[in-house]
């Protein structure tokens, strides 16, 4: 489906989804506020000298950048200039086959508390504020960093035709246990078939994954 056609066909759905996202995020923030406080306290106790929130620039809807909020799960490295930088190996300059996180899940920069909050996706909770602000949606492709999206082909750019999500179709089909090419394929499938039925399916599958900690590191 052409990009313009996707945007036009999803217009009414996107309007309704924005209302759903706003109400859901607001309720989620209020109901989960005790968990917010507990996680923030644990992160601070684990890394007293670091900020509780990790803020990073990500690529959003229609290639517009925004600041994403997460609970910090990694300590700063000893390298000059801040946190350790990831190195990617791309075929022909196109990021198709790398895995964003270490496949072993044993990243030495991840704190003890960080490993726990990642396993149960508690580090993602502050993104409800991103949803409230309109940067993100509850369901959609996970937002990627500009260093990767700048290399997107026309086909890969399809995943930027909807707002990025706190959870998504790729995440419930593998989360961290897949390469970038597989993630793009699932995200493209979601964009082309997005609707209330698929969103509801993603949310139900997300709840099951979060409760079990499956495929997370």
N, C-alpha and C. Protein backbone atom coordinates (compact mmCIF):
# COMPACT_ATOMS: atom_id res chain seq x y z
N UNK A 1 0.84 -1.19 0.00
CA UNK A 1 0.00 0.00 0.00
C UNK A 1 0.89 1.25 0.00
N UNK A 2 0.56 2.22 -0.85
CA UNK A 2 1.33 3.44 -0.94
C UNK A 2 1.23 4.24 0.36
N UNK A 3 2.28 5.01 0.66
CA UNK A 3 2.33 5.74 1.92
C UNK A 3 1.16 6.72 2.05
N UNK A 4 0.84 7.46 1.00
CA UNK A 4 -0.25 8.42 1.05
C UNK A 4 -1.58 7.72 1.30
N UNK A 5 -1.76 6.57 0.67
CA UNK A 5 -3.01 5.82 0.84
C UNK A 5 -3.15 5.33 2.26
N UNK A 6 -2.04 4.93 2.88
CA UNK A 6 -2.07 4.46 4.27
C UNK A 6 -2.52 5.58 5.19
N UNK A 7 -1.97 6.78 4.99
CA UNK A 7 -2.32 7.92 5.83
C UNK A 7 -3.78 8.30 5.68
N UNK A 8 -4.31 8.29 4.46
CA UNK A 8 -5.69 8.67 4.20
C UNK A 8 -6.65 7.62 4.77
N UNK A 9 -6.35 6.34 4.51
CA UNK A 9 -7.26 5.27 4.94
C UNK A 9 -7.33 5.16 6.46
N UNK A 10 -6.29 5.57 7.15
CA UNK A 10 -6.24 5.45 8.60
C UNK A 10 -6.67 6.72 9.35
N UNK A 11 -7.14 7.72 8.63
CA UNK A 11 -7.39 9.02 9.25
C UNK A 11 -8.40 8.94 10.40
N UNK A 12 -9.58 8.36 10.16
CA UNK A 12 -10.61 8.29 11.19
C UNK A 12 -10.16 7.41 12.36
N UNK A 13 -9.49 6.31 12.03
CA UNK A 13 -8.97 5.43 13.08
C UNK A 13 -7.96 6.16 13.94
N UNK A 14 -7.07 6.95 13.32
CA UNK A 14 -6.04 7.68 14.07
C UNK A 14 -6.65 8.73 14.99
N UNK A 15 -7.75 9.36 14.54
CA UNK A 15 -8.42 10.36 15.38
C UNK A 15 -8.98 9.69 16.64
N UNK A 16 -9.65 8.56 16.46
CA UNK A 16 -10.20 7.84 17.60
C UNK A 16 -9.11 7.28 18.49
N UNK A 17 -8.02 6.86 17.86
CA UNK A 17 -6.93 6.27 18.63
C UNK A 17 -6.26 7.31 19.52
N UNK A 18 -6.18 8.55 19.05
CA UNK A 18 -5.56 9.60 19.86
C UNK A 18 -6.35 9.81 21.15
N UNK A 19 -7.68 9.78 21.07
CA UNK A 19 -8.51 9.92 22.26
C UNK A 19 -8.32 8.73 23.19
N UNK A 20 -8.28 7.54 22.61
CA UNK A 20 -8.05 6.33 23.40
C UNK A 20 -6.69 6.39 24.10
N UNK A 21 -5.67 6.82 23.36
CA UNK A 21 -4.32 6.91 23.92
C UNK A 21 -4.26 7.89 25.08
N UNK A 22 -4.87 9.04 24.90
CA UNK A 22 -4.83 10.08 25.94
C UNK A 22 -5.49 9.58 27.22
N UNK A 23 -6.69 9.01 27.09
CA UNK A 23 -7.42 8.53 28.26
C UNK A 23 -6.68 7.37 28.92
N UNK A 24 -6.17 6.44 28.10
CA UNK A 24 -5.46 5.27 28.63
C UNK A 24 -4.19 5.68 29.36
N UNK A 25 -3.44 6.62 28.78
CA UNK A 25 -2.20 7.08 29.41
C UNK A 25 -2.49 7.79 30.73
N UNK A 26 -3.52 8.61 30.75
CA UNK A 26 -3.88 9.35 31.96
C UNK A 26 -4.28 8.38 33.08
N UNK A 27 -5.12 7.41 32.73
CA UNK A 27 -5.54 6.41 33.72
C UNK A 27 -4.33 5.59 34.19
N UNK A 28 -3.48 5.21 33.23
CA UNK A 28 -2.31 4.41 33.56
C UNK A 28 -1.37 5.12 34.51
N UNK A 29 -1.15 6.41 34.29
CA UNK A 29 -0.26 7.19 35.14
C UNK A 29 -0.81 7.27 36.57
N UNK A 30 -2.11 7.50 36.67
CA UNK A 30 -2.73 7.60 38.00
C UNK A 30 -2.70 6.25 38.73
N UNK A 31 -3.14 5.20 38.05
CA UNK A 31 -3.23 3.87 38.67
C UNK A 31 -1.85 3.31 39.02
N UNK A 32 -0.89 3.56 38.14
CA UNK A 32 0.45 2.99 38.32
C UNK A 32 1.40 3.92 39.06
N UNK A 33 0.90 5.04 39.55
CA UNK A 33 1.77 6.01 40.23
C UNK A 33 2.57 5.40 41.39
N UNK A 34 2.00 4.47 42.19
CA UNK A 34 2.82 3.85 43.24
C UNK A 34 4.01 3.07 42.67
N UNK A 35 3.78 2.41 41.53
CA UNK A 35 4.87 1.66 40.88
C UNK A 35 5.92 2.61 40.33
N UNK A 36 5.47 3.74 39.78
CA UNK A 36 6.41 4.78 39.32
C UNK A 36 7.34 5.18 40.46
N UNK A 37 6.76 5.45 41.62
CA UNK A 37 7.54 5.92 42.76
C UNK A 37 8.51 4.85 43.26
N UNK A 38 8.05 3.60 43.31
CA UNK A 38 8.90 2.51 43.79
C UNK A 38 10.08 2.29 42.85
N UNK A 39 9.79 2.24 41.53
CA UNK A 39 10.87 2.03 40.55
C UNK A 39 11.86 3.18 40.58
N UNK A 40 11.35 4.40 40.66
CA UNK A 40 12.23 5.58 40.71
C UNK A 40 13.15 5.51 41.92
N UNK A 41 12.60 5.09 43.07
CA UNK A 41 13.39 4.99 44.29
C UNK A 41 14.47 3.91 44.15
N UNK A 42 14.10 2.76 43.59
CA UNK A 42 15.06 1.67 43.42
C UNK A 42 16.19 2.06 42.47
N UNK A 43 15.83 2.74 41.38
CA UNK A 43 16.84 3.18 40.41
C UNK A 43 17.81 4.16 41.07
N UNK A 44 17.27 5.07 41.87
CA UNK A 44 18.10 6.08 42.54
C UNK A 44 19.02 5.43 43.57
N UNK A 45 18.50 4.48 44.32
CA UNK A 45 19.31 3.79 45.31
C UNK A 45 20.41 2.97 44.66
N UNK A 46 20.10 2.40 43.48
CA UNK A 46 21.07 1.58 42.77
C UNK A 46 22.19 2.41 42.15
N UNK A 47 21.83 3.60 41.65
CA UNK A 47 22.82 4.50 41.02
C UNK A 47 22.60 5.92 41.53
N UNK A 48 23.04 6.20 42.75
CA UNK A 48 22.74 7.49 43.41
C UNK A 48 23.22 8.72 42.63
N UNK A 49 24.31 8.58 41.87
CA UNK A 49 24.87 9.73 41.17
C UNK A 49 24.25 9.97 39.80
N UNK A 50 23.41 9.04 39.37
CA UNK A 50 22.80 9.16 38.04
C UNK A 50 21.36 9.68 38.13
N UNK A 51 20.87 10.22 37.05
CA UNK A 51 19.48 10.66 36.99
C UNK A 51 18.56 9.45 36.90
N UNK A 52 17.38 9.59 37.46
CA UNK A 52 16.42 8.48 37.45
C UNK A 52 15.91 8.21 36.05
N UNK A 53 15.68 9.27 35.29
CA UNK A 53 15.16 9.12 33.93
C UNK A 53 16.27 9.14 32.89
N UNK A 54 16.12 8.29 31.90
CA UNK A 54 17.00 8.30 30.73
C UNK A 54 16.20 8.95 29.60
N UNK A 55 16.73 10.00 29.02
CA UNK A 55 16.04 10.73 27.95
C UNK A 55 16.88 10.67 26.68
N UNK A 56 16.27 10.28 25.59
CA UNK A 56 17.01 10.11 24.34
C UNK A 56 16.16 10.57 23.16
N UNK A 57 16.81 11.07 22.12
CA UNK A 57 16.10 11.47 20.91
C UNK A 57 15.76 10.24 20.09
N UNK A 58 14.51 10.13 19.69
CA UNK A 58 14.05 9.03 18.83
C UNK A 58 13.30 9.62 17.64
N UNK A 59 13.12 8.79 16.63
CA UNK A 59 12.38 9.20 15.43
C UNK A 59 10.92 8.81 15.58
N UNK A 60 10.02 9.76 15.35
CA UNK A 60 8.61 9.50 15.52
C UNK A 60 7.81 9.54 14.24
N UNK A 61 6.54 9.88 14.37
CA UNK A 61 5.59 9.93 13.26
C UNK A 61 6.07 10.87 12.16
N UNK A 62 6.07 10.39 10.93
CA UNK A 62 6.49 11.15 9.75
C UNK A 62 7.93 11.67 9.89
N UNK A 63 8.76 10.87 10.55
CA UNK A 63 10.19 11.15 10.65
C UNK A 63 10.52 12.35 11.55
N UNK A 64 9.58 12.76 12.39
CA UNK A 64 9.83 13.87 13.30
C UNK A 64 10.45 13.33 14.59
N UNK A 65 11.46 14.01 15.08
CA UNK A 65 12.16 13.55 16.28
C UNK A 65 11.44 14.02 17.55
N UNK A 66 11.63 13.28 18.62
CA UNK A 66 11.08 13.64 19.92
C UNK A 66 11.96 13.04 21.01
N UNK A 67 11.76 13.47 22.23
CA UNK A 67 12.52 12.95 23.36
C UNK A 67 11.73 11.86 24.07
N UNK A 68 12.30 10.68 24.14
CA UNK A 68 11.62 9.56 24.79
C UNK A 68 12.08 9.46 26.24
N UNK A 69 11.15 9.08 27.13
CA UNK A 69 11.44 8.96 28.55
C UNK A 69 11.47 7.49 28.97
N UNK A 70 12.50 7.11 29.72
CA UNK A 70 12.58 5.76 30.26
C UNK A 70 13.22 5.83 31.65
N UNK A 71 12.91 4.86 32.49
CA UNK A 71 13.66 4.76 33.73
C UNK A 71 15.05 4.25 33.38
N UNK A 72 16.06 4.85 33.98
CA UNK A 72 17.43 4.46 33.68
C UNK A 72 17.67 3.01 34.10
N UNK A 73 18.25 2.24 33.20
CA UNK A 73 18.58 0.84 33.50
C UNK A 73 20.06 0.55 33.30
N UNK A 74 20.80 1.56 32.81
CA UNK A 74 22.23 1.37 32.57
C UNK A 74 23.04 2.43 33.30
N UNK A 75 24.21 2.02 33.77
CA UNK A 75 25.13 2.97 34.35
C UNK A 75 25.95 3.59 33.23
N UNK A 76 26.48 4.78 33.46
CA UNK A 76 27.35 5.39 32.47
C UNK A 76 28.66 4.62 32.42
N UNK A 77 29.23 4.52 31.22
CA UNK A 77 30.50 3.82 31.07
C UNK A 77 31.65 4.76 31.40
N UNK A 78 32.86 4.23 31.39
CA UNK A 78 34.04 5.02 31.67
C UNK A 78 34.58 5.72 30.43
N UNK A 79 33.92 5.53 29.30
CA UNK A 79 34.40 6.14 28.07
C UNK A 79 34.17 7.65 28.10
N UNK A 80 35.08 8.42 27.51
CA UNK A 80 34.89 9.88 27.44
C UNK A 80 33.61 10.21 26.68
N UNK A 81 32.90 11.21 27.17
CA UNK A 81 31.71 11.66 26.45
C UNK A 81 30.43 11.01 26.89
N UNK A 82 30.49 10.10 27.89
CA UNK A 82 29.23 9.55 28.40
C UNK A 82 29.06 8.07 28.16
N UNK A 83 27.83 7.68 27.86
CA UNK A 83 27.49 6.27 27.78
C UNK A 83 28.18 5.58 26.62
N UNK A 84 28.37 4.28 26.80
CA UNK A 84 28.99 3.47 25.76
C UNK A 84 28.17 3.53 24.48
N UNK A 85 28.84 3.66 23.36
CA UNK A 85 28.15 3.74 22.08
C UNK A 85 28.07 2.36 21.45
N UNK A 86 26.94 2.08 20.81
CA UNK A 86 26.77 0.80 20.13
C UNK A 86 27.46 0.85 18.77
N UNK A 87 27.96 -0.29 18.33
CA UNK A 87 28.57 -0.40 17.01
C UNK A 87 27.73 -1.37 16.20
N UNK A 88 27.34 -0.95 15.00
CA UNK A 88 26.49 -1.79 14.17
C UNK A 88 27.26 -2.23 12.92
N UNK A 89 27.00 -3.44 12.49
CA UNK A 89 27.57 -3.93 11.24
C UNK A 89 26.42 -4.07 10.25
N UNK A 90 26.47 -3.26 9.19
CA UNK A 90 25.39 -3.24 8.23
C UNK A 90 25.84 -3.78 6.88
N UNK A 91 24.95 -4.43 6.20
CA UNK A 91 25.22 -4.91 4.85
C UNK A 91 24.85 -3.80 3.86
N UNK A 92 25.81 -3.33 3.10
CA UNK A 92 25.58 -2.28 2.10
C UNK A 92 24.99 -1.01 2.69
N UNK A 93 25.32 -0.75 3.96
CA UNK A 93 24.87 0.49 4.59
C UNK A 93 23.43 0.48 5.03
N UNK A 94 22.74 -0.64 4.89
CA UNK A 94 21.32 -0.72 5.28
C UNK A 94 21.18 -1.57 6.54
N UNK A 95 20.61 -1.03 7.62
CA UNK A 95 20.51 -1.75 8.89
C UNK A 95 19.42 -2.80 8.90
N UNK A 96 19.70 -3.98 8.33
CA UNK A 96 18.69 -5.03 8.25
C UNK A 96 18.87 -6.14 9.28
N UNK A 97 20.10 -6.52 9.56
CA UNK A 97 20.31 -7.78 10.23
C UNK A 97 20.90 -7.72 11.63
N UNK A 98 21.22 -6.53 12.14
CA UNK A 98 21.79 -6.51 13.47
C UNK A 98 20.71 -6.66 14.53
N UNK A 99 21.12 -7.11 15.71
CA UNK A 99 20.24 -7.14 16.87
C UNK A 99 20.62 -5.96 17.74
N UNK A 100 19.64 -5.12 18.11
CA UNK A 100 19.94 -3.86 18.82
C UNK A 100 20.60 -4.13 20.17
N UNK A 101 20.08 -5.08 20.92
CA UNK A 101 20.63 -5.39 22.23
C UNK A 101 21.48 -6.66 22.14
N UNK A 102 22.35 -6.81 23.14
CA UNK A 102 23.17 -8.02 23.20
C UNK A 102 22.28 -9.24 23.30
N UNK A 103 22.53 -10.22 22.41
CA UNK A 103 21.68 -11.41 22.39
C UNK A 103 21.78 -12.21 23.67
N UNK A 104 22.89 -12.08 24.38
CA UNK A 104 23.06 -12.83 25.62
C UNK A 104 22.29 -12.20 26.76
N UNK A 105 22.05 -10.88 26.66
CA UNK A 105 21.35 -10.18 27.72
C UNK A 105 22.26 -9.86 28.89
N UNK A 106 23.56 -10.16 28.77
CA UNK A 106 24.51 -9.93 29.87
C UNK A 106 25.34 -8.69 29.64
N UNK A 107 24.71 -7.57 29.46
CA UNK A 107 25.41 -6.32 29.23
C UNK A 107 25.96 -5.82 30.55
N UNK A 108 27.28 -5.63 30.64
CA UNK A 108 27.88 -5.22 31.91
C UNK A 108 27.47 -3.82 32.36
N UNK A 109 26.95 -3.00 31.44
CA UNK A 109 26.54 -1.65 31.79
C UNK A 109 25.15 -1.60 32.41
N UNK A 110 24.41 -2.71 32.32
CA UNK A 110 23.07 -2.76 32.90
C UNK A 110 23.18 -3.00 34.40
N UNK A 111 22.55 -2.14 35.18
CA UNK A 111 22.61 -2.27 36.64
C UNK A 111 21.76 -3.45 37.11
N UNK A 112 21.91 -3.81 38.37
CA UNK A 112 21.14 -4.93 38.93
C UNK A 112 19.65 -4.63 38.88
N UNK A 113 19.29 -3.42 39.30
CA UNK A 113 17.88 -3.01 39.25
C UNK A 113 17.44 -2.87 37.79
N UNK A 114 18.36 -2.38 36.95
CA UNK A 114 18.05 -2.21 35.53
C UNK A 114 17.65 -3.51 34.86
N UNK A 115 18.34 -4.59 35.19
CA UNK A 115 18.02 -5.89 34.61
C UNK A 115 16.61 -6.32 35.00
N UNK A 116 16.23 -6.03 36.24
CA UNK A 116 14.88 -6.40 36.70
C UNK A 116 13.81 -5.58 36.01
N UNK A 117 13.99 -4.25 35.95
CA UNK A 117 12.95 -3.41 35.35
C UNK A 117 12.84 -3.66 33.85
N UNK A 118 13.95 -4.04 33.22
CA UNK A 118 13.89 -4.39 31.79
C UNK A 118 13.10 -5.68 31.58
N UNK A 119 13.34 -6.66 32.42
CA UNK A 119 12.69 -7.96 32.27
C UNK A 119 11.18 -7.84 32.27
N UNK A 120 10.67 -6.95 33.12
CA UNK A 120 9.22 -6.77 33.22
C UNK A 120 8.75 -5.46 32.59
N UNK A 121 9.62 -4.86 31.76
CA UNK A 121 9.30 -3.65 30.97
C UNK A 121 8.90 -2.46 31.84
N UNK A 122 9.33 -2.44 33.10
CA UNK A 122 9.01 -1.31 33.97
C UNK A 122 9.76 -0.06 33.56
N UNK A 123 10.89 -0.24 32.85
CA UNK A 123 11.65 0.93 32.39
C UNK A 123 10.89 1.73 31.35
N UNK A 124 9.87 1.12 30.74
CA UNK A 124 9.11 1.79 29.69
C UNK A 124 7.94 2.63 30.23
N UNK A 125 7.63 2.49 31.51
CA UNK A 125 6.47 3.17 32.08
C UNK A 125 6.43 4.68 31.84
N UNK A 126 7.57 5.40 31.95
CA UNK A 126 7.52 6.85 31.71
C UNK A 126 7.05 7.25 30.32
N UNK A 127 7.03 6.29 29.41
CA UNK A 127 6.57 6.61 28.06
C UNK A 127 5.07 6.88 28.01
N UNK A 128 4.37 6.60 29.10
CA UNK A 128 2.97 7.00 29.18
C UNK A 128 2.86 8.52 29.11
N UNK A 129 3.88 9.22 29.60
CA UNK A 129 3.91 10.68 29.48
C UNK A 129 4.15 11.09 28.02
N UNK A 130 4.93 10.30 27.28
CA UNK A 130 5.10 10.54 25.84
C UNK A 130 3.78 10.38 25.11
N UNK A 131 2.99 9.39 25.55
CA UNK A 131 1.67 9.16 24.95
C UNK A 131 0.76 10.34 25.26
N UNK A 132 0.79 10.79 26.50
CA UNK A 132 -0.03 11.91 26.93
C UNK A 132 0.31 13.16 26.11
N UNK A 133 1.59 13.37 25.82
CA UNK A 133 2.05 14.52 25.06
C UNK A 133 1.72 14.42 23.57
N UNK A 134 1.42 13.21 23.11
CA UNK A 134 1.11 13.02 21.70
C UNK A 134 2.28 12.58 20.86
N UNK A 135 3.44 12.32 21.50
CA UNK A 135 4.61 11.85 20.77
C UNK A 135 4.48 10.39 20.36
N UNK A 136 3.78 9.63 21.21
CA UNK A 136 3.68 8.19 21.01
C UNK A 136 2.23 7.73 21.16
N UNK A 137 2.02 6.46 20.83
CA UNK A 137 0.73 5.82 21.01
C UNK A 137 0.92 4.63 21.95
N UNK A 138 -0.16 4.07 22.45
CA UNK A 138 -0.03 2.86 23.26
C UNK A 138 0.50 1.72 22.41
N UNK A 139 -0.02 1.59 21.18
CA UNK A 139 0.40 0.52 20.27
C UNK A 139 0.97 1.13 18.99
N UNK A 140 2.10 0.62 18.58
CA UNK A 140 2.74 1.09 17.35
C UNK A 140 4.16 0.56 17.28
N UNK A 141 4.86 0.76 16.19
CA UNK A 141 6.26 0.32 16.11
C UNK A 141 7.10 1.02 17.17
N UNK A 142 8.02 0.31 17.78
CA UNK A 142 8.88 0.93 18.79
C UNK A 142 9.73 2.01 18.13
N UNK A 143 9.87 3.18 18.78
CA UNK A 143 10.63 4.28 18.18
C UNK A 143 12.12 3.96 18.09
N UNK A 144 12.70 4.22 16.94
CA UNK A 144 14.11 3.93 16.70
C UNK A 144 14.94 5.20 16.79
N UNK A 145 16.25 5.05 16.93
CA UNK A 145 17.14 6.21 17.01
C UNK A 145 17.41 6.75 15.61
N UNK A 146 17.61 8.07 15.47
CA UNK A 146 17.87 8.68 14.16
C UNK A 146 19.08 8.10 13.44
N UNK A 147 20.07 7.62 14.21
CA UNK A 147 21.27 7.05 13.60
C UNK A 147 20.94 5.82 12.75
N UNK A 148 19.78 5.21 13.02
CA UNK A 148 19.34 4.06 12.23
C UNK A 148 18.31 4.48 11.20
N UNK A 149 17.33 5.28 11.58
CA UNK A 149 16.25 5.65 10.64
C UNK A 149 16.75 6.48 9.46
N UNK A 150 17.90 7.13 9.62
CA UNK A 150 18.43 7.91 8.50
C UNK A 150 18.84 7.01 7.32
N UNK A 151 19.01 5.72 7.59
CA UNK A 151 19.39 4.78 6.54
C UNK A 151 18.18 4.01 5.99
N UNK A 152 16.99 4.31 6.46
CA UNK A 152 15.81 3.58 6.02
C UNK A 152 15.60 3.69 4.51
N UNK A 153 15.25 2.57 3.91
CA UNK A 153 14.82 2.59 2.51
C UNK A 153 13.37 3.08 2.47
N UNK A 154 12.82 3.24 1.28
CA UNK A 154 11.43 3.70 1.15
C UNK A 154 10.48 2.71 1.82
N UNK A 155 10.76 1.42 1.66
CA UNK A 155 9.92 0.40 2.27
C UNK A 155 10.00 0.46 3.79
N UNK A 156 11.22 0.62 4.32
CA UNK A 156 11.40 0.68 5.76
C UNK A 156 10.76 1.92 6.37
N UNK A 157 10.65 3.00 5.59
CA UNK A 157 10.05 4.23 6.09
C UNK A 157 8.56 4.06 6.36
N UNK A 158 7.97 2.97 5.88
CA UNK A 158 6.55 2.70 6.12
C UNK A 158 6.24 2.67 7.61
N UNK A 159 7.19 2.20 8.42
CA UNK A 159 6.93 2.10 9.87
C UNK A 159 6.85 3.47 10.53
N UNK A 160 7.19 4.53 9.79
CA UNK A 160 7.12 5.89 10.34
C UNK A 160 5.80 6.57 9.99
N UNK A 161 4.88 5.82 9.37
CA UNK A 161 3.59 6.39 8.96
C UNK A 161 2.55 6.33 10.08
N UNK A 162 2.92 5.76 11.21
CA UNK A 162 2.06 5.77 12.39
C UNK A 162 2.91 6.21 13.57
N UNK A 163 2.27 6.65 14.63
CA UNK A 163 3.03 7.04 15.82
C UNK A 163 3.71 5.82 16.43
N UNK A 164 4.92 5.99 16.93
CA UNK A 164 5.58 4.87 17.61
C UNK A 164 4.82 4.50 18.87
N UNK A 165 4.96 3.25 19.29
CA UNK A 165 4.18 2.78 20.42
C UNK A 165 4.98 2.35 21.63
N UNK A 166 4.30 2.32 22.76
CA UNK A 166 4.90 1.78 23.98
C UNK A 166 5.10 0.28 23.81
N UNK A 167 4.19 -0.35 23.08
CA UNK A 167 4.32 -1.75 22.70
C UNK A 167 3.92 -1.88 21.24
N UNK A 168 4.28 -2.99 20.62
CA UNK A 168 3.99 -3.12 19.20
C UNK A 168 3.92 -4.57 18.74
N UNK A 169 3.56 -4.74 17.49
CA UNK A 169 3.39 -6.06 16.89
C UNK A 169 4.70 -6.85 16.87
N UNK A 170 5.81 -6.16 16.62
CA UNK A 170 7.11 -6.83 16.63
C UNK A 170 7.45 -7.30 18.04
N UNK A 171 7.15 -6.47 19.05
CA UNK A 171 7.51 -6.80 20.42
C UNK A 171 6.77 -8.04 20.93
N UNK A 172 5.50 -8.16 20.58
CA UNK A 172 4.74 -9.32 21.08
C UNK A 172 5.05 -10.58 20.27
N UNK A 173 5.81 -10.43 19.20
CA UNK A 173 6.21 -11.59 18.40
C UNK A 173 7.69 -11.92 18.57
N UNK A 174 8.31 -11.38 19.61
CA UNK A 174 9.70 -11.72 19.82
C UNK A 174 10.46 -10.76 20.71
N UNK A 175 9.97 -9.53 20.84
CA UNK A 175 10.63 -8.50 21.65
C UNK A 175 12.10 -8.39 21.26
N UNK A 176 13.01 -8.64 22.18
CA UNK A 176 14.43 -8.42 21.92
C UNK A 176 15.06 -9.57 21.16
N UNK A 177 14.33 -10.66 21.00
CA UNK A 177 14.90 -11.86 20.40
C UNK A 177 14.66 -11.91 18.89
N UNK A 178 15.01 -10.84 18.18
CA UNK A 178 14.88 -10.84 16.73
C UNK A 178 15.83 -9.81 16.13
N UNK A 179 16.20 -10.00 14.86
CA UNK A 179 17.07 -9.03 14.23
C UNK A 179 16.26 -7.88 13.65
N UNK A 180 16.97 -6.87 13.17
CA UNK A 180 16.30 -5.65 12.73
C UNK A 180 15.40 -5.90 11.51
N UNK A 181 15.84 -6.77 10.63
CA UNK A 181 15.04 -7.07 9.44
C UNK A 181 13.70 -7.69 9.80
N UNK A 182 13.70 -8.60 10.77
CA UNK A 182 12.46 -9.22 11.22
C UNK A 182 11.55 -8.19 11.87
N UNK A 183 12.16 -7.29 12.65
CA UNK A 183 11.38 -6.24 13.31
C UNK A 183 10.69 -5.34 12.28
N UNK A 184 11.43 -4.95 11.26
CA UNK A 184 10.88 -4.11 10.21
C UNK A 184 9.70 -4.80 9.53
N UNK A 185 9.84 -6.10 9.28
CA UNK A 185 8.78 -6.86 8.61
C UNK A 185 7.50 -6.86 9.45
N UNK A 186 7.63 -7.10 10.75
CA UNK A 186 6.45 -7.09 11.63
C UNK A 186 5.84 -5.69 11.71
N UNK A 187 6.69 -4.67 11.81
CA UNK A 187 6.18 -3.30 11.92
C UNK A 187 5.47 -2.87 10.64
N UNK A 188 6.01 -3.26 9.49
CA UNK A 188 5.37 -2.94 8.22
C UNK A 188 4.01 -3.63 8.12
N UNK A 189 3.96 -4.88 8.57
CA UNK A 189 2.70 -5.62 8.59
C UNK A 189 1.68 -4.91 9.47
N UNK A 190 2.14 -4.41 10.62
CA UNK A 190 1.23 -3.69 11.52
C UNK A 190 0.68 -2.43 10.85
N UNK A 191 1.55 -1.64 10.25
CA UNK A 191 1.11 -0.38 9.63
C UNK A 191 0.08 -0.65 8.54
N UNK A 192 0.30 -1.68 7.75
CA UNK A 192 -0.59 -1.99 6.64
C UNK A 192 -1.92 -2.60 7.08
N UNK A 193 -1.96 -3.11 8.30
CA UNK A 193 -3.18 -3.75 8.79
C UNK A 193 -3.68 -3.15 10.11
N UNK A 194 -3.19 -1.96 10.44
CA UNK A 194 -3.53 -1.37 11.73
C UNK A 194 -5.03 -1.11 11.85
N UNK A 195 -5.52 -1.33 13.05
CA UNK A 195 -6.94 -1.14 13.34
C UNK A 195 -7.21 -1.54 14.78
N UNK A 196 -8.43 -1.36 15.24
CA UNK A 196 -8.76 -1.63 16.64
C UNK A 196 -8.57 -3.09 17.00
N UNK A 197 -8.90 -3.99 16.09
CA UNK A 197 -8.80 -5.42 16.38
C UNK A 197 -7.34 -5.82 16.61
N UNK A 198 -6.44 -5.35 15.75
CA UNK A 198 -5.03 -5.69 15.89
C UNK A 198 -4.44 -5.03 17.14
N UNK A 199 -4.84 -3.79 17.41
CA UNK A 199 -4.36 -3.10 18.61
C UNK A 199 -4.75 -3.86 19.88
N UNK A 200 -6.00 -4.33 19.91
CA UNK A 200 -6.47 -5.07 21.08
C UNK A 200 -5.68 -6.37 21.25
N UNK A 201 -5.37 -7.01 20.13
CA UNK A 201 -4.59 -8.25 20.18
C UNK A 201 -3.19 -7.98 20.73
N UNK A 202 -2.58 -6.89 20.30
CA UNK A 202 -1.24 -6.53 20.77
C UNK A 202 -1.25 -6.25 22.26
N UNK A 203 -2.26 -5.52 22.73
CA UNK A 203 -2.34 -5.18 24.15
C UNK A 203 -2.48 -6.43 25.01
N UNK A 204 -3.34 -7.36 24.60
CA UNK A 204 -3.53 -8.61 25.36
C UNK A 204 -2.24 -9.41 25.38
N UNK A 205 -1.57 -9.52 24.24
CA UNK A 205 -0.32 -10.28 24.17
C UNK A 205 0.78 -9.60 24.99
N UNK A 206 0.76 -8.27 25.03
CA UNK A 206 1.74 -7.52 25.82
C UNK A 206 1.60 -7.80 27.30
N UNK A 207 0.36 -7.80 27.78
CA UNK A 207 0.11 -8.09 29.20
C UNK A 207 0.66 -9.46 29.57
N UNK A 208 0.44 -10.44 28.71
CA UNK A 208 0.93 -11.80 28.98
C UNK A 208 2.45 -11.82 29.03
N UNK A 209 3.09 -11.10 28.10
CA UNK A 209 4.56 -11.08 28.06
C UNK A 209 5.15 -10.38 29.28
N UNK A 210 4.55 -9.26 29.65
CA UNK A 210 5.06 -8.49 30.79
C UNK A 210 4.97 -9.30 32.07
N UNK A 211 3.87 -10.03 32.25
CA UNK A 211 3.68 -10.81 33.47
C UNK A 211 4.66 -11.98 33.55
N UNK A 212 5.11 -12.49 32.39
CA UNK A 212 6.03 -13.62 32.38
C UNK A 212 7.48 -13.20 32.17
N UNK A 213 7.70 -11.96 31.67
CA UNK A 213 9.04 -11.52 31.37
C UNK A 213 9.62 -12.23 30.17
N UNK A 214 8.79 -12.78 29.30
CA UNK A 214 9.25 -13.56 28.17
C UNK A 214 9.97 -12.70 27.13
N UNK A 215 11.09 -13.24 26.60
CA UNK A 215 11.87 -12.61 25.51
C UNK A 215 12.39 -11.23 25.85
N UNK A 216 12.54 -10.94 27.13
CA UNK A 216 13.02 -9.60 27.51
C UNK A 216 14.41 -9.68 28.10
N UNK A 217 15.26 -8.67 27.76
CA UNK A 217 16.55 -8.51 28.42
C UNK A 217 17.04 -7.10 28.18
